[in-house]
Amino acid sequence: MVEDERYCVDIITQVAAVQAALNSFNKVLLEHHIKSCVVDDIKSGDSDATVEELCRILQKMMK
């Protein structure tokens, strides 16, 4: 769109749509991760490291 010299507002709108789609995907992926990997790790006794990793990823997602 930039190379085609499209109107700036149209480009910003498309970028916002892509960001929203990625955020939605991240939420679904995080939910799957928690329900599978995190639960499995906690059941196996590796709760401290798993919770720390989960906290780090949540901090990254909330920036």
N, C-alpha and C. Protein backbone atom coordinates (compact mmCIF):
# COMPACT_ATOMS: atom_id res chain seq x y z
N MET A 1 0.81 -1.18 0.00
CA MET A 1 0.00 0.00 0.00
C MET A 1 0.87 1.26 0.00
N VAL A 2 1.96 1.20 0.73
CA VAL A 2 2.86 2.35 0.76
C VAL A 2 3.47 2.56 -0.62
N GLU A 3 3.92 1.47 -1.22
CA GLU A 3 4.52 1.57 -2.55
C GLU A 3 3.52 2.07 -3.59
N ASP A 4 2.25 1.75 -3.38
CA ASP A 4 1.20 2.20 -4.29
C ASP A 4 0.73 3.61 -3.95
N GLU A 5 1.36 4.22 -2.94
CA GLU A 5 1.05 5.57 -2.50
C GLU A 5 -0.42 5.73 -2.14
N ARG A 6 -0.92 4.73 -1.40
CA ARG A 6 -2.31 4.80 -0.94
C ARG A 6 -2.45 5.85 0.15
N TYR A 7 -3.65 6.28 0.39
CA TYR A 7 -3.96 7.30 1.38
C TYR A 7 -3.52 6.80 2.76
N CYS A 8 -2.85 7.65 3.52
CA CYS A 8 -2.27 7.26 4.82
C CYS A 8 -3.30 6.66 5.77
N VAL A 9 -4.48 7.25 5.81
CA VAL A 9 -5.52 6.74 6.72
C VAL A 9 -5.91 5.32 6.35
N ASP A 10 -5.94 5.00 5.07
CA ASP A 10 -6.26 3.63 4.64
C ASP A 10 -5.18 2.66 5.11
N ILE A 11 -3.93 3.08 5.04
CA ILE A 11 -2.82 2.23 5.50
C ILE A 11 -2.91 2.02 7.00
N ILE A 12 -3.14 3.09 7.74
CA ILE A 12 -3.26 2.99 9.20
C ILE A 12 -4.42 2.07 9.58
N THR A 13 -5.51 2.16 8.87
CA THR A 13 -6.66 1.29 9.12
C THR A 13 -6.31 -0.17 8.90
N GLN A 14 -5.58 -0.46 7.84
CA GLN A 14 -5.18 -1.83 7.56
C GLN A 14 -4.20 -2.35 8.62
N VAL A 15 -3.27 -1.51 9.03
CA VAL A 15 -2.32 -1.91 10.07
C VAL A 15 -3.06 -2.22 11.37
N ALA A 16 -4.03 -1.38 11.73
CA ALA A 16 -4.82 -1.61 12.94
C ALA A 16 -5.59 -2.93 12.84
N ALA A 17 -6.11 -3.24 11.67
CA ALA A 17 -6.84 -4.50 11.48
C ALA A 17 -5.91 -5.70 11.64
N VAL A 18 -4.72 -5.59 11.11
CA VAL A 18 -3.74 -6.68 11.25
C VAL A 18 -3.36 -6.86 12.72
N GLN A 19 -3.14 -5.76 13.41
CA GLN A 19 -2.80 -5.85 14.83
C GLN A 19 -3.92 -6.49 15.64
N ALA A 20 -5.16 -6.13 15.33
CA ALA A 20 -6.30 -6.71 16.04
C ALA A 20 -6.39 -8.22 15.77
N ALA A 21 -6.15 -8.61 14.53
CA ALA A 21 -6.18 -10.03 14.19
C ALA A 21 -5.09 -10.80 14.93
N LEU A 22 -3.90 -10.24 14.99
CA LEU A 22 -2.80 -10.89 15.71
C LEU A 22 -3.09 -10.97 17.21
N ASN A 23 -3.67 -9.93 17.78
CA ASN A 23 -4.03 -9.95 19.19
C ASN A 23 -5.05 -11.05 19.47
N SER A 24 -6.03 -11.18 18.60
CA SER A 24 -7.03 -12.23 18.77
C SER A 24 -6.39 -13.61 18.69
N PHE A 25 -5.49 -13.78 17.74
CA PHE A 25 -4.78 -15.06 17.60
C PHE A 25 -3.96 -15.35 18.84
N ASN A 26 -3.26 -14.34 19.36
CA ASN A 26 -2.44 -14.53 20.56
C ASN A 26 -3.29 -14.96 21.75
N LYS A 27 -4.49 -14.41 21.89
CA LYS A 27 -5.37 -14.79 22.99
C LYS A 27 -5.76 -16.26 22.89
N VAL A 28 -6.10 -16.70 21.70
CA VAL A 28 -6.47 -18.10 21.49
C VAL A 28 -5.28 -19.01 21.77
N LEU A 29 -4.12 -18.63 21.26
CA LEU A 29 -2.92 -19.42 21.46
C LEU A 29 -2.54 -19.49 22.93
N LEU A 30 -2.64 -18.37 23.63
CA LEU A 30 -2.32 -18.34 25.05
C LEU A 30 -3.27 -19.24 25.83
N GLU A 31 -4.55 -19.17 25.50
CA GLU A 31 -5.52 -20.03 26.18
C GLU A 31 -5.18 -21.51 25.97
N HIS A 32 -4.84 -21.88 24.75
CA HIS A 32 -4.45 -23.27 24.46
C HIS A 32 -3.20 -23.64 25.25
N HIS A 33 -2.22 -22.74 25.29
CA HIS A 33 -0.98 -22.99 26.01
C HIS A 33 -1.26 -23.24 27.49
N ILE A 34 -2.11 -22.40 28.08
CA ILE A 34 -2.42 -22.54 29.51
C ILE A 34 -3.13 -23.87 29.77
N LYS A 35 -4.12 -24.19 28.92
CA LYS A 35 -4.90 -25.41 29.14
C LYS A 35 -4.14 -26.69 28.84
N SER A 36 -3.05 -26.59 28.10
CA SER A 36 -2.28 -27.79 27.79
C SER A 36 -0.91 -27.75 28.47
N CYS A 37 -0.01 -26.98 27.95
CA CYS A 37 1.38 -26.98 28.44
C CYS A 37 1.50 -26.59 29.91
N VAL A 38 0.85 -25.50 30.28
CA VAL A 38 0.98 -25.02 31.66
C VAL A 38 0.39 -26.03 32.64
N VAL A 39 -0.79 -26.53 32.33
CA VAL A 39 -1.43 -27.53 33.20
C VAL A 39 -0.56 -28.78 33.31
N ASP A 40 -0.04 -29.25 32.18
CA ASP A 40 0.82 -30.44 32.21
C ASP A 40 2.06 -30.22 33.05
N ASP A 41 2.69 -29.05 32.89
CA ASP A 41 3.91 -28.75 33.66
C ASP A 41 3.61 -28.68 35.15
N ILE A 42 2.51 -28.06 35.51
CA ILE A 42 2.16 -27.95 36.93
C ILE A 42 1.86 -29.33 37.50
N LYS A 43 1.15 -30.16 36.76
CA LYS A 43 0.85 -31.52 37.22
C LYS A 43 2.12 -32.33 37.42
N SER A 44 3.15 -32.06 36.60
CA SER A 44 4.40 -32.82 36.71
C SER A 44 5.33 -32.26 37.78
N GLY A 45 4.92 -31.17 38.44
CA GLY A 45 5.71 -30.64 39.53
C GLY A 45 6.60 -29.48 39.18
N ASP A 46 6.52 -28.97 37.97
CA ASP A 46 7.38 -27.87 37.54
C ASP A 46 6.62 -26.54 37.58
N SER A 47 5.96 -26.29 38.70
CA SER A 47 5.06 -25.13 38.75
C SER A 47 5.79 -23.79 38.83
N ASP A 48 6.88 -23.70 39.57
CA ASP A 48 7.55 -22.41 39.73
C ASP A 48 8.05 -21.86 38.40
N ALA A 49 8.77 -22.66 37.65
CA ALA A 49 9.30 -22.21 36.36
C ALA A 49 8.18 -21.91 35.38
N THR A 50 7.14 -22.73 35.43
CA THR A 50 6.02 -22.55 34.51
C THR A 50 5.28 -21.26 34.81
N VAL A 51 5.04 -20.97 36.05
CA VAL A 51 4.34 -19.74 36.43
C VAL A 51 5.19 -18.52 36.06
N GLU A 52 6.49 -18.61 36.29
CA GLU A 52 7.38 -17.51 35.91
C GLU A 52 7.33 -17.25 34.41
N GLU A 53 7.39 -18.31 33.63
CA GLU A 53 7.32 -18.18 32.18
C GLU A 53 5.98 -17.57 31.75
N LEU A 54 4.90 -18.02 32.36
CA LEU A 54 3.58 -17.49 32.05
C LEU A 54 3.50 -16.00 32.39
N CYS A 55 4.03 -15.61 33.52
CA CYS A 55 4.05 -14.19 33.90
C CYS A 55 4.84 -13.36 32.90
N ARG A 56 5.98 -13.87 32.44
CA ARG A 56 6.79 -13.14 31.46
C ARG A 56 6.03 -12.95 30.15
N ILE A 57 5.35 -14.00 29.67
CA ILE A 57 4.64 -13.89 28.41
C ILE A 57 3.45 -12.95 28.54
N LEU A 58 2.79 -12.97 29.69
CA LEU A 58 1.67 -12.03 29.91
C LEU A 58 2.17 -10.58 29.92
N GLN A 59 3.32 -10.35 30.53
CA GLN A 59 3.89 -9.00 30.54
C GLN A 59 4.20 -8.54 29.11
N LYS A 60 4.75 -9.43 28.30
CA LYS A 60 5.05 -9.08 26.91
C LYS A 60 3.79 -8.75 26.14
N MET A 61 2.74 -9.54 26.38
CA MET A 61 1.49 -9.34 25.64
C MET A 61 0.78 -8.05 26.05
N MET A 62 1.02 -7.58 27.27
CA MET A 62 0.32 -6.41 27.76
C MET A 62 1.03 -5.10 27.46
N LYS A 63 2.15 -5.14 26.79
CA LYS A 63 2.87 -3.91 26.46
C LYS A 63 2.10 -3.10 25.45
